[in-house]
Amino acid sequence: MKTSTIYNFTAQSNPQDWIIIDDVVMGGRSNGNFTISDDGHGIFSGVVSLENNGGFSSVRHQFSKLNTTEDSKVVIRLKGDGKDYQFRIKDKKSAYYSYIITFKTNGEWQNVTIHVKDLYPSYRGRTLDLPNFAGGPMEEIVFLIGNKKNESFQLVIDKIELE
């Protein structure tokens, strides 16, 4: 099976390829940042605040359509902080809902493998009565933290591939 690179971070990567969306869009007070480290990793970090009914921070990357099958996997090389994060995809940039799954980080470098057929449809924290992602186009990926508590976070990302 052919591997496609969704994003491979280098010291020359443009942080503006990634867009932060925090709960401030609905009045919250969370604050996420996205930077590129000197050693060429994407760093998604910040603080999640439950103040004003907030509670999440996310970073998203949109790209030209990649085709997937129900057997496709997304493999992410990352180093988390021991917290849970969501990985989300959109089949179309314009879609109002995402397909999501939660993964755990362990504080060490790890490869997180996500089978696309395990991603379930969700909108604003509610699971939708629709089937899981069955493959097809993919145009956006998102990392989101929203563990229903006030906390700081840091997720270091090396590369994201589609297998």
N, C-alpha and C. Protein backbone atom coordinates (compact mmCIF):
# COMPACT_ATOMS: atom_id res chain seq x y z
N MET A 1 0.85 -1.19 0.00
CA MET A 1 0.00 0.00 0.00
C MET A 1 0.89 1.25 0.00
N LYS A 2 0.50 2.20 -0.81
CA LYS A 2 1.27 3.44 -0.95
C LYS A 2 1.01 4.37 0.24
N THR A 3 2.07 4.99 0.74
CA THR A 3 1.95 5.95 1.82
C THR A 3 1.99 7.35 1.23
N SER A 4 1.04 8.19 1.64
CA SER A 4 1.02 9.60 1.24
C SER A 4 1.34 10.44 2.47
N THR A 5 2.14 11.48 2.28
CA THR A 5 2.45 12.38 3.38
C THR A 5 1.38 13.46 3.43
N ILE A 6 0.71 13.57 4.56
CA ILE A 6 -0.24 14.67 4.77
C ILE A 6 0.54 15.92 5.19
N TYR A 7 1.47 15.75 6.12
CA TYR A 7 2.33 16.85 6.52
C TYR A 7 3.58 16.29 7.19
N ASN A 8 4.75 16.74 6.74
CA ASN A 8 6.02 16.36 7.34
C ASN A 8 6.70 17.66 7.78
N PHE A 9 6.80 17.86 9.07
CA PHE A 9 7.35 19.11 9.59
C PHE A 9 8.86 19.18 9.40
N THR A 10 9.33 20.37 9.06
CA THR A 10 10.76 20.67 9.00
C THR A 10 10.93 22.05 9.63
N ALA A 11 12.18 22.44 9.83
CA ALA A 11 12.46 23.77 10.39
C ALA A 11 11.93 24.88 9.46
N GLN A 12 11.75 24.55 8.17
CA GLN A 12 11.25 25.54 7.20
C GLN A 12 9.74 25.51 7.03
N SER A 13 9.04 24.63 7.75
CA SER A 13 7.58 24.57 7.64
C SER A 13 6.96 25.91 8.01
N ASN A 14 5.86 26.22 7.36
CA ASN A 14 5.17 27.48 7.60
C ASN A 14 4.07 27.27 8.64
N PRO A 15 4.18 27.88 9.82
CA PRO A 15 3.13 27.69 10.83
C PRO A 15 1.76 28.19 10.35
N GLN A 16 1.75 29.06 9.34
CA GLN A 16 0.48 29.56 8.83
C GLN A 16 -0.27 28.53 7.99
N ASP A 17 0.35 27.35 7.76
CA ASP A 17 -0.37 26.23 7.13
C ASP A 17 -1.41 25.67 8.10
N TRP A 18 -1.31 26.07 9.36
CA TRP A 18 -2.17 25.54 10.43
C TRP A 18 -2.93 26.70 11.06
N ILE A 19 -4.21 26.49 11.34
CA ILE A 19 -5.07 27.56 11.87
C ILE A 19 -5.61 27.15 13.23
N ILE A 20 -5.44 28.03 14.21
CA ILE A 20 -5.98 27.79 15.56
C ILE A 20 -7.46 28.21 15.59
N ILE A 21 -8.29 27.34 16.16
CA ILE A 21 -9.68 27.69 16.47
C ILE A 21 -9.90 27.30 17.93
N ASP A 22 -10.14 28.31 18.75
CA ASP A 22 -10.39 28.09 20.18
C ASP A 22 -11.86 28.33 20.49
N ASP A 23 -12.22 28.06 21.74
CA ASP A 23 -13.60 28.30 22.18
C ASP A 23 -13.96 29.78 22.23
N VAL A 24 -13.01 30.67 21.94
CA VAL A 24 -13.33 32.11 21.90
C VAL A 24 -14.38 32.39 20.83
N VAL A 25 -14.51 31.49 19.84
CA VAL A 25 -15.54 31.67 18.81
C VAL A 25 -16.94 31.63 19.42
N MET A 26 -17.06 31.08 20.64
CA MET A 26 -18.34 31.04 21.34
C MET A 26 -18.25 31.68 22.72
N GLY A 27 -17.28 32.56 22.92
CA GLY A 27 -17.18 33.32 24.16
C GLY A 27 -16.24 32.76 25.20
N GLY A 28 -15.60 31.63 24.91
CA GLY A 28 -14.68 31.02 25.88
C GLY A 28 -13.37 31.77 26.01
N ARG A 29 -12.49 31.24 26.86
CA ARG A 29 -11.24 31.92 27.16
C ARG A 29 -9.99 31.07 26.91
N SER A 30 -10.13 29.94 26.23
CA SER A 30 -8.96 29.10 25.94
C SER A 30 -8.05 29.80 24.95
N ASN A 31 -6.77 29.41 24.97
CA ASN A 31 -5.79 30.10 24.13
C ASN A 31 -4.77 29.09 23.62
N GLY A 32 -4.88 28.74 22.33
CA GLY A 32 -3.94 27.82 21.71
C GLY A 32 -2.96 28.56 20.82
N ASN A 33 -1.79 27.97 20.62
CA ASN A 33 -0.75 28.51 19.74
C ASN A 33 -0.22 27.39 18.88
N PHE A 34 0.31 27.76 17.72
CA PHE A 34 0.97 26.78 16.87
C PHE A 34 2.25 27.39 16.35
N THR A 35 3.37 26.72 16.61
CA THR A 35 4.67 27.20 16.19
C THR A 35 5.47 26.04 15.58
N ILE A 36 6.55 26.40 14.93
CA ILE A 36 7.50 25.41 14.42
C ILE A 36 8.77 25.53 15.27
N SER A 37 9.21 24.41 15.84
CA SER A 37 10.41 24.44 16.68
C SER A 37 11.67 24.52 15.81
N ASP A 38 12.77 24.91 16.43
CA ASP A 38 14.05 25.00 15.72
C ASP A 38 14.47 23.65 15.13
N ASP A 39 14.07 22.57 15.78
CA ASP A 39 14.43 21.24 15.26
C ASP A 39 13.38 20.68 14.30
N GLY A 40 12.42 21.51 13.89
CA GLY A 40 11.52 21.13 12.82
C GLY A 40 10.32 20.30 13.21
N HIS A 41 9.69 20.64 14.32
CA HIS A 41 8.45 19.97 14.73
C HIS A 41 7.35 21.01 14.87
N GLY A 42 6.11 20.60 14.59
CA GLY A 42 4.96 21.45 14.86
C GLY A 42 4.62 21.36 16.33
N ILE A 43 4.40 22.50 16.98
CA ILE A 43 4.07 22.50 18.41
C ILE A 43 2.73 23.20 18.60
N PHE A 44 1.73 22.41 19.02
CA PHE A 44 0.41 22.90 19.36
C PHE A 44 0.37 22.96 20.89
N SER A 45 0.25 24.17 21.43
CA SER A 45 0.33 24.33 22.88
C SER A 45 -0.60 25.45 23.33
N GLY A 46 -0.82 25.53 24.62
CA GLY A 46 -1.64 26.60 25.15
C GLY A 46 -2.33 26.21 26.44
N VAL A 47 -3.47 26.85 26.67
CA VAL A 47 -4.24 26.65 27.90
C VAL A 47 -5.71 26.51 27.53
N VAL A 48 -6.34 25.48 28.09
CA VAL A 48 -7.78 25.31 27.96
C VAL A 48 -8.42 25.85 29.22
N SER A 49 -9.44 26.69 29.04
CA SER A 49 -10.17 27.28 30.16
C SER A 49 -11.66 26.94 30.02
N LEU A 50 -12.27 26.58 31.16
CA LEU A 50 -13.70 26.31 31.17
C LEU A 50 -14.52 27.58 31.39
N GLU A 51 -13.83 28.71 31.60
CA GLU A 51 -14.51 29.97 31.85
C GLU A 51 -15.43 30.33 30.68
N ASN A 52 -16.57 30.96 30.99
CA ASN A 52 -17.55 31.40 29.98
C ASN A 52 -18.01 30.25 29.08
N ASN A 53 -18.21 29.07 29.67
CA ASN A 53 -18.67 27.88 28.93
C ASN A 53 -17.70 27.44 27.84
N GLY A 54 -16.42 27.73 28.02
CA GLY A 54 -15.41 27.31 27.07
C GLY A 54 -14.96 25.90 27.37
N GLY A 55 -13.81 25.54 26.80
CA GLY A 55 -13.27 24.23 27.12
C GLY A 55 -12.57 23.51 25.99
N PHE A 56 -12.19 24.21 24.91
CA PHE A 56 -11.42 23.52 23.88
C PHE A 56 -10.49 24.46 23.13
N SER A 57 -9.46 23.84 22.57
CA SER A 57 -8.57 24.52 21.63
C SER A 57 -8.28 23.52 20.52
N SER A 58 -8.17 24.01 19.30
CA SER A 58 -7.89 23.12 18.18
C SER A 58 -6.97 23.80 17.18
N VAL A 59 -6.32 22.97 16.38
CA VAL A 59 -5.52 23.46 15.27
C VAL A 59 -5.87 22.61 14.05
N ARG A 60 -6.06 23.29 12.91
CA ARG A 60 -6.48 22.56 11.72
C ARG A 60 -5.60 22.87 10.53
N HIS A 61 -5.57 21.89 9.63
CA HIS A 61 -4.79 22.01 8.39
C HIS A 61 -5.67 21.53 7.24
N GLN A 62 -5.83 22.39 6.24
CA GLN A 62 -6.59 22.02 5.05
C GLN A 62 -5.62 21.77 3.90
N PHE A 63 -6.00 20.88 3.01
CA PHE A 63 -5.10 20.48 1.92
C PHE A 63 -5.92 20.00 0.74
N SER A 64 -5.24 19.81 -0.38
CA SER A 64 -5.90 19.26 -1.56
C SER A 64 -6.41 17.87 -1.24
N LYS A 65 -7.52 17.51 -1.84
CA LYS A 65 -8.20 16.26 -1.55
C LYS A 65 -7.26 15.05 -1.63
N LEU A 66 -7.29 14.23 -0.59
CA LEU A 66 -6.63 12.93 -0.58
C LEU A 66 -7.72 11.87 -0.57
N ASN A 67 -7.56 10.85 -1.37
CA ASN A 67 -8.55 9.78 -1.39
C ASN A 67 -8.15 8.68 -0.43
N THR A 68 -9.14 8.17 0.29
CA THR A 68 -8.92 7.11 1.26
C THR A 68 -9.89 5.96 0.96
N THR A 69 -9.59 4.82 1.54
CA THR A 69 -10.51 3.69 1.51
C THR A 69 -10.87 3.36 2.96
N GLU A 70 -11.82 2.47 3.16
CA GLU A 70 -12.17 2.13 4.54
C GLU A 70 -11.03 1.42 5.26
N ASP A 71 -10.04 0.93 4.52
CA ASP A 71 -8.87 0.29 5.13
C ASP A 71 -7.72 1.27 5.38
N SER A 72 -7.89 2.52 4.99
CA SER A 72 -6.82 3.51 5.17
C SER A 72 -6.57 3.78 6.65
N LYS A 73 -5.32 4.16 6.93
CA LYS A 73 -4.91 4.52 8.29
C LYS A 73 -4.15 5.84 8.22
N VAL A 74 -4.33 6.64 9.26
CA VAL A 74 -3.52 7.83 9.44
C VAL A 74 -2.52 7.49 10.54
N VAL A 75 -1.24 7.69 10.25
CA VAL A 75 -0.19 7.41 11.23
C VAL A 75 0.48 8.74 11.58
N ILE A 76 0.46 9.07 12.87
CA ILE A 76 0.97 10.35 13.34
C ILE A 76 2.14 10.09 14.28
N ARG A 77 3.30 10.66 13.95
CA ARG A 77 4.46 10.59 14.86
C ARG A 77 4.41 11.85 15.71
N LEU A 78 4.26 11.65 17.02
CA LEU A 78 4.08 12.81 17.91
C LEU A 78 4.61 12.51 19.29
N LYS A 79 4.73 13.59 20.05
CA LYS A 79 5.09 13.49 21.46
C LYS A 79 4.10 14.36 22.22
N GLY A 80 3.26 13.72 23.00
CA GLY A 80 2.26 14.44 23.78
C GLY A 80 2.73 14.69 25.19
N ASP A 81 1.78 15.08 26.01
CA ASP A 81 2.05 15.44 27.40
C ASP A 81 1.30 14.54 28.37
N GLY A 82 0.87 13.37 27.88
CA GLY A 82 0.13 12.44 28.72
C GLY A 82 -1.37 12.69 28.73
N LYS A 83 -1.83 13.69 27.99
CA LYS A 83 -3.25 14.03 27.95
C LYS A 83 -3.93 13.38 26.75
N ASP A 84 -5.26 13.38 26.77
CA ASP A 84 -6.05 12.89 25.65
C ASP A 84 -6.28 14.02 24.66
N TYR A 85 -6.25 13.67 23.38
CA TYR A 85 -6.52 14.61 22.29
C TYR A 85 -7.50 13.95 21.33
N GLN A 86 -8.19 14.78 20.57
CA GLN A 86 -9.02 14.27 19.49
C GLN A 86 -8.29 14.50 18.17
N PHE A 87 -8.41 13.53 17.28
CA PHE A 87 -8.00 13.70 15.89
C PHE A 87 -9.29 13.73 15.09
N ARG A 88 -9.40 14.69 14.19
CA ARG A 88 -10.61 14.87 13.41
C ARG A 88 -10.25 15.00 11.94
N ILE A 89 -11.15 14.52 11.10
CA ILE A 89 -11.01 14.77 9.67
C ILE A 89 -12.34 15.29 9.14
N LYS A 90 -12.25 16.00 8.03
CA LYS A 90 -13.43 16.38 7.27
C LYS A 90 -13.26 15.83 5.87
N ASP A 91 -14.37 15.28 5.34
CA ASP A 91 -14.31 14.78 3.97
C ASP A 91 -14.34 15.93 2.97
N LYS A 92 -14.96 17.02 3.35
CA LYS A 92 -14.96 18.24 2.54
C LYS A 92 -14.71 19.42 3.47
N LYS A 93 -13.93 20.39 3.02
CA LYS A 93 -13.65 21.56 3.85
C LYS A 93 -14.93 22.24 4.30
N SER A 94 -15.96 22.19 3.45
CA SER A 94 -17.22 22.89 3.73
C SER A 94 -18.16 22.11 4.63
N ALA A 95 -17.83 20.86 4.96
CA ALA A 95 -18.72 20.04 5.79
C ALA A 95 -18.91 20.68 7.16
N TYR A 96 -20.11 20.61 7.70
CA TYR A 96 -20.35 21.22 9.01
C TYR A 96 -19.92 20.31 10.14
N TYR A 97 -19.79 19.03 9.90
CA TYR A 97 -19.38 18.10 10.96
C TYR A 97 -18.06 17.44 10.60
N SER A 98 -17.44 16.88 11.61
CA SER A 98 -16.16 16.17 11.46
C SER A 98 -16.34 14.72 11.85
N TYR A 99 -15.39 13.91 11.43
CA TYR A 99 -15.27 12.54 11.92
C TYR A 99 -14.14 12.55 12.93
N ILE A 100 -14.39 11.98 14.11
CA ILE A 100 -13.44 12.16 15.21
C ILE A 100 -13.11 10.85 15.92
N ILE A 101 -11.98 10.87 16.62
CA ILE A 101 -11.59 9.80 17.52
C ILE A 101 -10.66 10.42 18.57
N THR A 102 -10.67 9.87 19.76
CA THR A 102 -9.79 10.34 20.83
C THR A 102 -8.59 9.39 20.93
N PHE A 103 -7.42 9.96 21.13
CA PHE A 103 -6.23 9.14 21.35
C PHE A 103 -5.51 9.66 22.59
N LYS A 104 -4.76 8.76 23.21
CA LYS A 104 -4.00 9.08 24.42
C LYS A 104 -2.54 9.32 24.06
N THR A 105 -1.93 10.26 24.76
CA THR A 105 -0.49 10.45 24.61
C THR A 105 0.19 9.97 25.89
N ASN A 106 1.48 9.64 25.78
CA ASN A 106 2.17 9.04 26.93
C ASN A 106 3.40 9.81 27.40
N GLY A 107 3.62 11.00 26.83
CA GLY A 107 4.76 11.80 27.25
C GLY A 107 6.05 11.46 26.51
N GLU A 108 6.02 10.43 25.68
CA GLU A 108 7.18 10.00 24.89
C GLU A 108 6.85 10.12 23.40
N TRP A 109 7.86 10.02 22.55
CA TRP A 109 7.59 9.92 21.12
C TRP A 109 6.83 8.63 20.86
N GLN A 110 5.79 8.72 20.08
CA GLN A 110 4.99 7.54 19.77
C GLN A 110 4.39 7.70 18.37
N ASN A 111 4.06 6.56 17.77
CA ASN A 111 3.31 6.55 16.52
C ASN A 111 1.87 6.22 16.86
N VAL A 112 0.97 7.13 16.58
CA VAL A 112 -0.45 6.90 16.81
C VAL A 112 -1.05 6.49 15.47
N THR A 113 -1.64 5.30 15.43
CA THR A 113 -2.26 4.79 14.21
C THR A 113 -3.77 4.87 14.36
N ILE A 114 -4.40 5.56 13.42
CA ILE A 114 -5.85 5.74 13.44
C ILE A 114 -6.43 5.11 12.19
N HIS A 115 -7.29 4.13 12.38
CA HIS A 115 -8.00 3.51 11.26
C HIS A 115 -9.18 4.42 10.92
N VAL A 116 -9.25 4.87 9.67
CA VAL A 116 -10.28 5.87 9.34
C VAL A 116 -11.69 5.34 9.57
N LYS A 117 -11.89 4.03 9.45
CA LYS A 117 -13.23 3.47 9.66
C LYS A 117 -13.69 3.57 11.12
N ASP A 118 -12.74 3.89 12.05
CA ASP A 118 -13.09 4.06 13.46
C ASP A 118 -13.53 5.49 13.80
N LEU A 119 -13.37 6.42 12.85
CA LEU A 119 -13.76 7.81 13.08
C LEU A 119 -15.27 7.94 12.98
N TYR A 120 -15.88 8.55 14.00
CA TYR A 120 -17.34 8.69 14.03
C TYR A 120 -17.74 10.15 13.84
N PRO A 121 -18.93 10.38 13.26
CA PRO A 121 -19.36 11.75 12.96
C PRO A 121 -19.81 12.49 14.22
N SER A 122 -19.36 13.74 14.33
CA SER A 122 -19.69 14.55 15.49
C SER A 122 -19.78 16.01 15.09
N TYR A 123 -20.65 16.73 15.77
CA TYR A 123 -20.80 18.16 15.54
C TYR A 123 -20.99 18.84 16.89
N ARG A 124 -20.11 19.78 17.21
CA ARG A 124 -20.16 20.52 18.48
C ARG A 124 -20.30 19.61 19.69
N GLY A 125 -19.51 18.55 19.69
CA GLY A 125 -19.48 17.65 20.84
C GLY A 125 -20.58 16.61 20.89
N ARG A 126 -21.45 16.58 19.88
CA ARG A 126 -22.53 15.61 19.86
C ARG A 126 -22.30 14.59 18.75
N THR A 127 -22.42 13.31 19.09
CA THR A 127 -22.32 12.26 18.08
C THR A 127 -23.57 12.30 17.21
N LEU A 128 -23.35 12.24 15.90
CA LEU A 128 -24.47 12.28 14.96
C LEU A 128 -24.91 10.87 14.60
N ASP A 129 -26.17 10.74 14.24
CA ASP A 129 -26.73 9.44 13.86
C ASP A 129 -26.45 9.19 12.38
N LEU A 130 -25.17 9.04 12.08
CA LEU A 130 -24.69 8.79 10.73
C LEU A 130 -23.63 7.70 10.82
N PRO A 131 -23.32 7.03 9.72
CA PRO A 131 -22.28 6.00 9.78
C PRO A 131 -20.89 6.57 10.02
N ASN A 132 -19.99 5.72 10.51
CA ASN A 132 -18.58 6.09 10.63
C ASN A 132 -18.02 6.40 9.26
N PHE A 133 -16.86 7.02 9.24
CA PHE A 133 -16.18 7.35 7.98
C PHE A 133 -15.87 6.04 7.24
N ALA A 134 -16.26 5.98 5.99
CA ALA A 134 -16.10 4.74 5.22
C ALA A 134 -15.06 4.89 4.11
N GLY A 135 -14.22 5.90 4.24
CA GLY A 135 -13.27 6.18 3.17
C GLY A 135 -13.86 7.21 2.22
N GLY A 136 -13.06 7.61 1.26
CA GLY A 136 -13.46 8.66 0.33
C GLY A 136 -12.53 9.84 0.48
N PRO A 137 -12.98 11.01 0.03
CA PRO A 137 -12.08 12.17 0.09
C PRO A 137 -11.84 12.65 1.52
N MET A 138 -10.69 13.27 1.71
CA MET A 138 -10.33 13.89 2.99
C MET A 138 -9.64 15.21 2.63
N GLU A 139 -10.11 16.33 3.24
CA GLU A 139 -9.56 17.64 2.90
C GLU A 139 -9.11 18.46 4.11
N GLU A 140 -9.32 17.92 5.32
CA GLU A 140 -8.93 18.67 6.52
C GLU A 140 -8.64 17.70 7.64
N ILE A 141 -7.60 18.05 8.42
CA ILE A 141 -7.32 17.33 9.66
C ILE A 141 -7.27 18.34 10.80
N VAL A 142 -7.63 17.88 11.99
CA VAL A 142 -7.69 18.75 13.16
C VAL A 142 -7.17 17.98 14.37
N PHE A 143 -6.40 18.66 15.21
CA PHE A 143 -6.09 18.17 16.55
C PHE A 143 -6.83 19.05 17.52
N LEU A 144 -7.53 18.45 18.48
CA LEU A 144 -8.33 19.21 19.43
C LEU A 144 -8.11 18.66 20.83
N ILE A 145 -8.03 19.57 21.80
CA ILE A 145 -8.02 19.17 23.20
C ILE A 145 -9.22 19.81 23.86
N GLY A 146 -9.95 19.00 24.61
CA GLY A 146 -11.15 19.47 25.31
C GLY A 146 -11.57 18.42 26.32
N ASN A 147 -10.83 18.31 27.40
CA ASN A 147 -11.02 17.25 28.39
C ASN A 147 -11.91 17.66 29.56
N LYS A 148 -12.70 18.71 29.37
CA LYS A 148 -13.64 19.18 30.39
C LYS A 148 -12.94 19.61 31.68
N LYS A 149 -11.71 20.19 31.52
CA LYS A 149 -11.02 20.74 32.69
C LYS A 149 -10.07 21.84 32.25
N ASN A 150 -9.74 22.71 33.21
CA ASN A 150 -8.74 23.74 32.98
C ASN A 150 -7.38 23.06 32.96
N GLU A 151 -6.63 23.26 31.88
CA GLU A 151 -5.31 22.63 31.81
C GLU A 151 -4.47 23.27 30.72
N SER A 152 -3.16 23.23 30.96
CA SER A 152 -2.24 23.62 29.89
C SER A 152 -1.93 22.36 29.09
N PHE A 153 -1.44 22.55 27.86
CA PHE A 153 -1.18 21.39 27.01
C PHE A 153 -0.04 21.69 26.04
N GLN A 154 0.57 20.60 25.57
CA GLN A 154 1.57 20.70 24.50
C GLN A 154 1.62 19.39 23.74
N LEU A 155 1.40 19.49 22.43
CA LEU A 155 1.47 18.35 21.53
C LEU A 155 2.51 18.68 20.46
N VAL A 156 3.57 17.87 20.39
CA VAL A 156 4.64 18.07 19.41
C VAL A 156 4.43 17.06 18.29
N ILE A 157 4.36 17.55 17.05
CA ILE A 157 4.04 16.69 15.91
C ILE A 157 5.22 16.66 14.95
N ASP A 158 5.62 15.46 14.56
CA ASP A 158 6.73 15.28 13.63
C ASP A 158 6.21 15.11 12.19
N LYS A 159 5.32 14.13 12.01
CA LYS A 159 4.76 13.93 10.66
C LYS A 159 3.43 13.21 10.75
N ILE A 160 2.66 13.38 9.67
CA ILE A 160 1.33 12.78 9.56
C ILE A 160 1.26 12.14 8.18
N GLU A 161 1.00 10.84 8.16
CA GLU A 161 0.97 10.12 6.91
C GLU A 161 -0.33 9.35 6.75
N LEU A 162 -0.68 9.09 5.50
CA LEU A 162 -1.86 8.30 5.16
C LEU A 162 -1.35 7.00 4.55
N GLU A 163 -1.74 5.88 5.14
CA GLU A 163 -1.36 4.58 4.59
C GLU A 163 -2.57 3.86 4.05
